[in-house]
Amino acid sequence: MIEVTRVEGRNQIDEFIKLPGRILAADPNWIEPLWLERRRFLSPRTNPFFEHADVALWLARRDVRAVGRISAQIDHLMSDVDGLKVGFFGMLTAEDDPDILPALFRTAEAWLVERGVGIVRGPFEFNINQVSGLLVEGFDTPPSLMMTHDPPWLGPGVERLGYAKAKDLFAYHLNTRKGLTERLQKMAERASPEVTLRSLDMRRYREEVTLITDIHNDAWSDNWGFIPLTEAETDAMADEMKAILYPDLVKIAELHGEPVAFIALLPNINEAIRDLGGRLLPFGWLKLLWRLKVGGIRSARIPLMGVRRAYSNTLLGKSLPLKLIYALQPRGLARGFEEIELSWLLEDNMPARRMVELMGSKRAKTYRIYEKRLETAD
């Protein structure tokens, strides 16, 4: 028998956090997240997501042993779809056992239906601005910063419960040692001669993060599943990212002094924490700081890039992503980054996909967002 119980209290939160690592302990590509960061993420005191959302967490048990987990959340900033309220599931993992996922989803779906949800999507941690999708292709390499790694049995198990693909998200890998196509770089320069690029100004750090968030919200507001970042989330993000940001790897494009686009390249911190087992004490802090500041990280990820909508369909707007990426190449190489992950891109974002493929990027991983319509009480 599988029993599903609501997660409450510090001990159960820790059990919830550590369960994926126990299930995937034999997977050589699993990277244990930092437990301290996960506790902060799941706490309403430190994660401003809870200010505009309702969240519930559950553990599935066989006897007393935890064998699976799931979250359900309702983000009140998410727009209705076809007149139906949208809810999410996430934080999903389970042992390879056909009884576990049905029990988890019955519980999560019942909680959502009680709150009037007619469409459920996921997995998200906790919404599309955080870790999104379930890995369905690319199990043979470790995940990059803020990307997930899942066992191969999880996707088919979700689909057997009536969930269908809503969208696929693609991660592309670019080998910077091979160099980028000079022809594309010249095209970008010709299309945007009046655009100047500058690095992040750490003296005005909060203002800069607010600016980037404003461009991000404007750039992606028409995208599938869009949810705006709030000011509180921007402040939290500023605190979290400051330790791993290199100002010269964040570029802001200005047209006649007006900020119109940005890009951020972050070191793949997963490389730095891979052997820490989730712990920062007693010596994890020292290892992490050494690897971040002195070296040892050979890959990076571009998690954020945006062009204001007023320019997105113009020749200038289409050239700006190229110009921004090319501006990062020499600085990234100087930091020792030999591979860059561009992730994630929606499957139907063909202009962006064609651009990164022309640059020589190869599709490395596919993450799937699932969707299901629920029978509401009314």
Protein backbone atom coordinates (compact mmCIF):
# COMPACT_ATOMS: atom_id res chain seq x y z
CA MET A 1 0.00 0.00 0.00
CA ILE A 2 1.17 3.54 -0.85
CA GLU A 3 0.23 6.27 1.63
CA VAL A 4 0.53 9.94 0.60
CA THR A 5 0.90 12.47 3.40
CA ARG A 6 1.27 16.26 3.49
CA VAL A 7 4.77 17.51 4.27
CA GLU A 8 4.94 19.46 7.52
CA GLY A 9 7.84 20.50 9.73
CA ARG A 10 11.61 20.73 9.30
CA ASN A 11 12.29 16.99 9.41
CA GLN A 12 9.80 16.20 6.65
CA ILE A 13 11.03 19.12 4.55
CA ASP A 14 14.54 17.67 4.77
CA GLU A 15 13.21 14.23 3.84
CA PHE A 16 11.42 15.81 0.85
CA ILE A 17 14.60 17.61 -0.23
CA LYS A 18 16.88 14.57 0.04
CA LEU A 19 14.58 12.00 -1.57
CA PRO A 20 15.68 12.52 -5.22
CA GLY A 21 19.31 11.96 -4.25
CA ARG A 22 18.43 8.70 -2.55
CA ILE A 23 16.39 7.46 -5.53
CA LEU A 24 19.06 8.50 -8.05
CA ALA A 25 22.10 7.63 -5.95
CA ALA A 26 23.35 5.16 -8.58
CA ASP A 27 22.91 7.63 -11.48
CA PRO A 28 26.38 9.03 -12.36
CA ASN A 29 24.81 12.19 -13.77
CA TRP A 30 22.80 13.12 -10.70
CA ILE A 31 24.03 16.25 -8.90
CA GLU A 32 22.78 16.77 -5.36
CA PRO A 33 21.52 20.36 -4.95
CA LEU A 34 22.69 22.35 -1.96
CA TRP A 35 20.34 21.52 0.88
CA LEU A 36 20.58 25.01 2.35
CA GLU A 37 19.42 26.55 -0.93
CA ARG A 38 16.56 24.04 -1.19
CA ARG A 39 15.38 24.84 2.34
CA ARG A 40 15.33 28.54 1.50
CA PHE A 41 13.47 27.83 -1.74
CA LEU A 42 10.75 25.87 0.07
CA SER A 43 10.31 28.39 2.89
CA PRO A 44 7.63 31.11 2.69
CA ARG A 45 9.94 33.25 4.84
CA THR A 46 12.67 33.39 2.21
CA ASN A 47 10.97 32.69 -1.13
CA PRO A 48 8.72 35.56 -2.34
CA PHE A 49 6.91 33.19 -4.71
CA PHE A 50 4.68 32.30 -1.76
CA GLU A 51 3.41 35.90 -1.67
CA HIS A 52 1.34 35.28 -4.81
CA ALA A 53 0.83 31.51 -4.72
CA ASP A 54 -0.58 28.58 -2.76
CA VAL A 55 1.71 25.55 -2.41
CA ALA A 56 1.36 22.04 -1.01
CA LEU A 57 3.99 19.29 -0.76
CA TRP A 58 3.45 15.55 -0.30
CA LEU A 59 5.54 12.44 0.28
CA ALA A 60 4.47 8.97 -0.80
CA ARG A 61 5.42 6.16 1.59
CA ARG A 62 5.48 2.42 1.48
CA ASP A 63 5.32 1.45 5.14
CA VAL A 64 7.44 4.24 6.64
CA ARG A 65 9.94 4.65 3.79
CA ALA A 66 9.53 7.62 1.44
CA VAL A 67 9.32 6.41 -2.18
CA GLY A 68 8.06 9.49 -4.06
CA ARG A 69 7.21 13.17 -3.81
CA ILE A 70 5.16 15.86 -5.56
CA SER A 71 4.10 19.47 -5.16
CA ALA A 72 0.99 21.28 -6.32
CA GLN A 73 0.83 25.04 -6.63
CA ILE A 74 -1.50 27.77 -7.81
CA ASP A 75 0.22 30.94 -8.98
CA HIS A 76 -2.33 33.75 -8.84
CA LEU A 77 -0.35 35.71 -11.45
CA MET A 78 -1.03 33.00 -14.05
CA SER A 79 -3.76 33.89 -16.54
CA ASP A 80 -6.70 31.58 -17.19
CA VAL A 81 -6.56 29.38 -20.30
CA ASP A 82 -9.79 28.85 -22.28
CA GLY A 83 -11.66 30.25 -19.31
CA LEU A 84 -10.17 27.68 -16.95
CA LYS A 85 -8.01 28.26 -13.91
CA VAL A 86 -4.49 26.84 -14.30
CA GLY A 87 -2.57 25.03 -11.59
CA PHE A 88 0.83 23.36 -11.58
CA PHE A 89 2.54 20.24 -10.30
CA GLY A 90 6.24 19.94 -9.68
CA MET A 91 9.13 18.69 -7.52
CA LEU A 92 8.27 15.26 -8.90
CA THR A 93 10.30 12.12 -8.33
CA ALA A 94 9.50 8.50 -7.57
CA GLU A 95 10.99 5.06 -7.46
CA ASP A 96 10.37 2.87 -10.52
CA ASP A 97 7.13 1.39 -9.16
CA PRO A 98 3.77 1.57 -11.01
CA ASP A 99 1.81 2.24 -7.80
CA ILE A 100 3.58 5.41 -6.70
CA LEU A 101 2.83 8.02 -9.36
CA PRO A 102 -0.95 7.33 -9.46
CA ALA A 103 -1.15 7.83 -5.70
CA LEU A 104 0.84 11.07 -5.85
CA PHE A 105 -1.14 12.55 -8.72
CA ARG A 106 -4.53 11.58 -7.23
CA THR A 107 -3.63 13.58 -4.14
CA ALA A 108 -2.22 16.60 -5.99
CA GLU A 109 -5.08 16.73 -8.50
CA ALA A 110 -7.70 16.52 -5.73
CA TRP A 111 -6.07 19.47 -3.96
CA LEU A 112 -6.11 21.49 -7.20
CA VAL A 113 -9.71 20.60 -8.06
CA GLU A 114 -10.84 21.69 -4.58
CA ARG A 115 -9.44 25.11 -5.44
CA GLY A 116 -11.19 25.39 -8.79
CA VAL A 117 -8.34 24.39 -11.10
CA GLY A 118 -9.43 23.07 -14.49
CA ILE A 119 -6.03 22.67 -16.18
CA VAL A 120 -2.87 21.34 -14.58
CA ARG A 121 0.59 21.80 -16.10
CA GLY A 122 4.04 20.75 -15.01
CA PRO A 123 6.47 20.00 -13.74
CA PHE A 124 7.54 23.43 -12.50
CA GLU A 125 9.60 24.46 -9.48
CA PHE A 126 7.43 26.45 -8.81
CA ASN A 127 6.52 28.27 -12.04
CA ILE A 128 7.93 28.77 -15.52
CA ASN A 129 10.47 31.33 -14.22
CA GLN A 130 12.17 28.62 -12.17
CA VAL A 131 13.23 25.05 -13.03
CA SER A 132 10.84 23.87 -15.74
CA GLY A 133 10.05 20.61 -17.51
CA LEU A 134 10.83 16.94 -17.07
CA LEU A 135 13.88 15.45 -18.77
CA VAL A 136 12.85 13.12 -21.62
CA GLU A 137 16.02 13.15 -23.78
CA GLY A 138 19.65 13.61 -22.79
CA PHE A 139 20.00 11.38 -19.73
CA ASP A 140 23.71 10.73 -20.41
CA THR A 141 25.10 14.07 -19.19
CA PRO A 142 24.70 16.05 -15.96
CA PRO A 143 22.26 18.96 -15.81
CA SER A 144 23.40 22.56 -16.00
CA LEU A 145 22.69 25.30 -13.49
CA MET A 146 18.93 25.52 -12.65
CA MET A 147 18.06 22.60 -14.93
CA THR A 148 16.64 19.28 -13.81
CA HIS A 149 17.79 15.67 -14.09
CA ASP A 150 15.14 12.95 -13.96
CA PRO A 151 15.11 9.16 -14.24
CA PRO A 152 14.00 7.77 -17.63
CA TRP A 153 10.95 6.00 -16.19
CA LEU A 154 9.34 9.21 -14.91
CA GLY A 155 8.07 10.65 -18.21
CA PRO A 156 6.31 7.46 -19.40
CA GLY A 157 4.76 7.11 -15.94
CA VAL A 158 3.28 10.62 -16.13
CA GLU A 159 1.91 9.96 -19.62
CA ARG A 160 0.14 6.79 -18.45
CA LEU A 161 -1.89 9.00 -16.11
CA GLY A 162 -3.47 10.94 -18.97
CA TYR A 163 -0.95 13.76 -19.24
CA ALA A 164 -0.02 14.89 -22.74
CA LYS A 165 2.80 17.06 -24.01
CA ALA A 166 2.03 20.76 -23.81
CA LYS A 167 5.47 22.01 -24.86
CA ASP A 168 9.00 20.73 -25.22
CA LEU A 169 11.93 22.85 -24.06
CA PHE A 170 15.33 22.40 -25.70
CA ALA A 171 18.82 22.89 -24.30
CA TYR A 172 21.59 23.60 -26.81
CA HIS A 173 25.33 23.20 -26.21
CA LEU A 174 27.90 25.43 -27.87
CA ASN A 175 31.60 24.55 -27.92
CA THR A 176 33.30 27.91 -27.57
CA ARG A 177 36.77 26.46 -28.29
CA LYS A 178 35.72 25.83 -31.86
CA GLY A 179 34.99 29.50 -32.33
CA LEU A 180 31.81 31.13 -33.57
CA THR A 181 30.97 31.78 -37.18
CA GLU A 182 32.60 35.04 -38.21
CA ARG A 183 30.08 35.62 -40.99
CA LEU A 184 27.17 35.75 -38.50
CA GLN A 185 29.11 38.10 -36.26
CA LYS A 186 29.65 40.53 -39.14
CA MET A 187 25.96 40.31 -40.06
CA ALA A 188 24.98 41.22 -36.50
CA GLU A 189 27.37 44.17 -36.45
CA ARG A 190 26.08 45.49 -39.79
CA ALA A 191 22.45 45.23 -38.62
CA SER A 192 23.06 47.11 -35.36
CA PRO A 193 25.83 49.70 -35.84
CA GLU A 194 24.15 52.23 -33.52
CA VAL A 195 23.83 49.76 -30.63
CA THR A 196 26.41 49.90 -27.87
CA LEU A 197 27.03 47.15 -25.33
CA ARG A 198 28.03 47.64 -21.72
CA SER A 199 28.68 45.34 -18.79
CA LEU A 200 26.66 45.16 -15.58
CA ASP A 201 27.42 48.08 -13.27
CA MET A 202 27.89 46.54 -9.81
CA ARG A 203 27.83 50.00 -8.20
CA ARG A 204 24.14 50.17 -9.16
CA TYR A 205 23.48 46.47 -8.76
CA ARG A 206 19.85 46.60 -7.56
CA GLU A 207 18.92 49.10 -10.27
CA GLU A 208 20.59 46.94 -12.90
CA VAL A 209 18.71 43.82 -11.80
CA THR A 210 15.44 45.78 -11.84
CA LEU A 211 16.24 46.96 -15.38
CA ILE A 212 17.00 43.42 -16.56
CA THR A 213 13.77 42.16 -15.01
CA ASP A 214 11.79 44.90 -16.76
CA ILE A 215 13.28 43.96 -20.13
CA HIS A 216 12.66 40.28 -19.39
CA ASN A 217 8.99 40.82 -18.50
CA ASP A 218 8.47 42.95 -21.60
CA ALA A 219 10.36 40.61 -23.94
CA TRP A 220 8.57 37.41 -22.91
CA SER A 221 5.10 38.74 -22.09
CA ASP A 222 3.56 37.21 -25.24
CA ASN A 223 5.22 33.81 -24.76
CA TRP A 224 3.37 30.63 -23.90
CA GLY A 225 2.90 30.22 -20.15
CA PHE A 226 4.31 33.67 -19.30
CA ILE A 227 4.23 34.79 -15.65
CA PRO A 228 5.87 38.11 -14.74
CA LEU A 229 8.65 38.33 -12.19
CA THR A 230 7.61 40.48 -9.21
CA GLU A 231 9.70 43.18 -7.53
CA ALA A 232 10.16 40.96 -4.46
CA GLU A 233 11.34 38.09 -6.65
CA THR A 234 13.73 40.46 -8.38
CA ASP A 235 15.21 41.47 -5.01
CA ALA A 236 15.60 37.82 -3.97
CA MET A 237 17.17 36.97 -7.31
CA ALA A 238 19.63 39.83 -6.90
CA ASP A 239 20.78 38.43 -3.56
CA GLU A 240 21.05 34.85 -4.81
CA MET A 241 22.92 35.64 -8.03
CA LYS A 242 25.39 38.18 -6.71
CA ALA A 243 27.88 35.56 -5.52
CA ILE A 244 28.14 33.87 -8.93
CA LEU A 245 27.84 36.87 -11.25
CA TYR A 246 30.74 38.15 -13.30
CA PRO A 247 29.82 41.73 -14.36
CA ASP A 248 31.60 41.36 -17.72
CA LEU A 249 29.45 38.30 -18.52
CA VAL A 250 26.21 40.28 -18.24
CA LYS A 251 25.73 42.57 -21.22
CA ILE A 252 23.11 45.28 -21.73
CA ALA A 253 22.47 46.61 -25.24
CA GLU A 254 21.60 50.29 -25.56
CA LEU A 255 20.19 52.13 -28.57
CA HIS A 256 20.89 55.87 -28.29
CA GLY A 257 21.24 55.38 -24.53
CA GLU A 258 18.01 53.39 -24.12
CA PRO A 259 18.40 49.81 -22.80
CA VAL A 260 16.75 47.52 -25.34
CA ALA A 261 18.18 44.04 -24.68
CA PHE A 262 20.33 42.02 -22.29
CA ILE A 263 22.06 38.69 -21.86
CA ALA A 264 23.48 36.91 -18.81
CA LEU A 265 26.05 34.12 -18.78
CA LEU A 266 26.41 32.31 -15.45
CA PRO A 267 29.05 29.77 -14.45
CA ASN A 268 27.63 26.28 -14.22
CA ILE A 269 27.71 26.00 -10.46
CA ASN A 270 26.67 22.35 -10.73
CA GLU A 271 30.27 21.58 -11.63
CA ALA A 272 31.42 23.21 -8.40
CA ILE A 273 28.98 21.38 -6.10
CA ARG A 274 29.01 17.95 -7.74
CA ASP A 275 31.09 16.27 -5.02
CA LEU A 276 29.66 18.19 -2.03
CA GLY A 277 26.69 15.86 -1.51
CA GLY A 278 24.39 18.81 -0.79
CA ARG A 279 26.47 19.97 2.19
CA LEU A 280 28.33 23.23 2.64
CA LEU A 281 29.79 22.31 6.02
CA PRO A 282 32.44 21.81 7.17
CA PHE A 283 34.54 22.43 4.03
CA GLY A 284 31.98 22.78 1.24
CA TRP A 285 32.05 26.59 1.43
CA LEU A 286 35.79 26.66 0.84
CA LYS A 287 35.60 24.29 -2.13
CA LEU A 288 32.74 26.23 -3.67
CA LEU A 289 34.42 29.62 -3.30
CA TRP A 290 37.72 28.29 -4.64
CA ARG A 291 36.08 26.80 -7.72
CA LEU A 292 34.03 29.91 -8.39
CA LYS A 293 36.81 32.44 -7.95
CA VAL A 294 39.98 30.57 -8.86
CA GLY A 295 38.90 28.12 -11.50
CA GLY A 296 37.80 24.59 -12.18
CA ILE A 297 34.47 25.38 -13.84
CA ARG A 298 34.57 24.66 -17.56
CA SER A 299 30.95 25.27 -18.56
CA ALA A 300 28.38 28.03 -18.25
CA ARG A 301 24.72 28.62 -19.02
CA ILE A 302 22.79 31.46 -20.62
CA PRO A 303 19.54 31.33 -18.62
CA LEU A 304 18.41 34.88 -19.37
CA MET A 305 18.24 36.87 -22.58
CA GLY A 306 15.65 39.28 -23.87
CA VAL A 307 14.90 41.95 -26.47
CA ARG A 308 12.17 44.51 -25.89
CA ARG A 309 9.02 43.72 -27.86
CA ALA A 310 9.15 47.05 -29.71
CA TYR A 311 12.22 45.72 -31.55
CA SER A 312 11.64 41.96 -31.56
CA ASN A 313 10.27 41.72 -35.12
CA THR A 314 12.71 44.19 -36.66
CA LEU A 315 16.05 43.44 -38.31
CA LEU A 316 17.70 45.19 -35.37
CA GLY A 317 15.85 43.04 -32.87
CA LYS A 318 16.75 39.83 -34.65
CA SER A 319 20.42 40.75 -34.79
CA LEU A 320 20.72 41.75 -31.12
CA PRO A 321 20.83 38.19 -29.67
CA LEU A 322 23.70 37.36 -32.03
CA LYS A 323 25.56 40.51 -31.12
CA LEU A 324 25.10 39.82 -27.40
CA ILE A 325 26.25 36.19 -27.61
CA TYR A 326 29.32 37.12 -29.66
CA ALA A 327 30.21 39.78 -27.11
CA LEU A 328 30.39 37.08 -24.44
CA GLN A 329 32.68 34.72 -26.32
CA PRO A 330 36.10 36.24 -25.51
CA ARG A 331 35.21 36.93 -21.87
CA GLY A 332 33.79 33.44 -21.42
CA LEU A 333 36.92 31.88 -22.88
CA ALA A 334 39.04 34.05 -20.59
CA ARG A 335 37.12 32.58 -17.64
CA GLY A 336 37.85 29.08 -18.90
CA PHE A 337 34.33 28.26 -20.14
CA GLU A 338 34.74 25.76 -22.95
CA GLU A 339 31.06 24.94 -23.33
CA ILE A 340 27.98 27.13 -23.04
CA GLU A 341 24.45 25.84 -22.61
CA LEU A 342 21.74 27.97 -24.17
CA SER A 343 18.59 26.95 -22.35
CA TRP A 344 15.88 26.72 -22.51
CA LEU A 345 14.19 27.43 -25.86
CA LEU A 346 10.56 26.62 -26.58
CA GLU A 347 10.20 24.05 -29.35
CA ASP A 348 8.15 26.45 -31.50
CA ASN A 349 10.55 29.39 -31.08
CA MET A 350 11.98 28.71 -34.52
CA PRO A 351 13.79 32.05 -35.02
CA ALA A 352 15.84 31.54 -31.84
CA ARG A 353 16.45 27.86 -32.59
CA ARG A 354 17.64 28.60 -36.12
CA MET A 355 19.94 31.31 -34.80
CA VAL A 356 21.68 29.11 -32.23
CA GLU A 357 21.94 26.24 -34.72
CA LEU A 358 23.57 28.54 -37.28
CA MET A 359 26.12 29.39 -34.61
CA GLY A 360 27.07 25.73 -34.37
CA SER A 361 25.07 24.77 -31.27
CA LYS A 362 23.83 21.20 -30.96
CA ARG A 363 20.61 20.18 -29.26
CA ALA A 364 21.64 18.24 -26.16
CA LYS A 365 18.56 17.81 -23.98
CA THR A 366 14.77 17.90 -24.18
CA TYR A 367 12.53 18.78 -21.25
CA ARG A 368 8.78 18.25 -21.46
CA ILE A 369 5.95 20.22 -19.91
CA TYR A 370 2.79 18.15 -19.54
CA GLU A 371 -0.82 19.22 -19.39
CA LYS A 372 -4.11 17.64 -18.35
CA ARG A 373 -7.68 18.87 -18.01
CA LEU A 374 -9.31 18.13 -14.69
CA GLU A 375 -12.94 17.48 -13.87
CA THR A 376 -13.89 20.35 -11.58
CA ALA A 377 -16.62 20.09 -8.97
CA ASP A 378 -18.91 22.53 -10.78
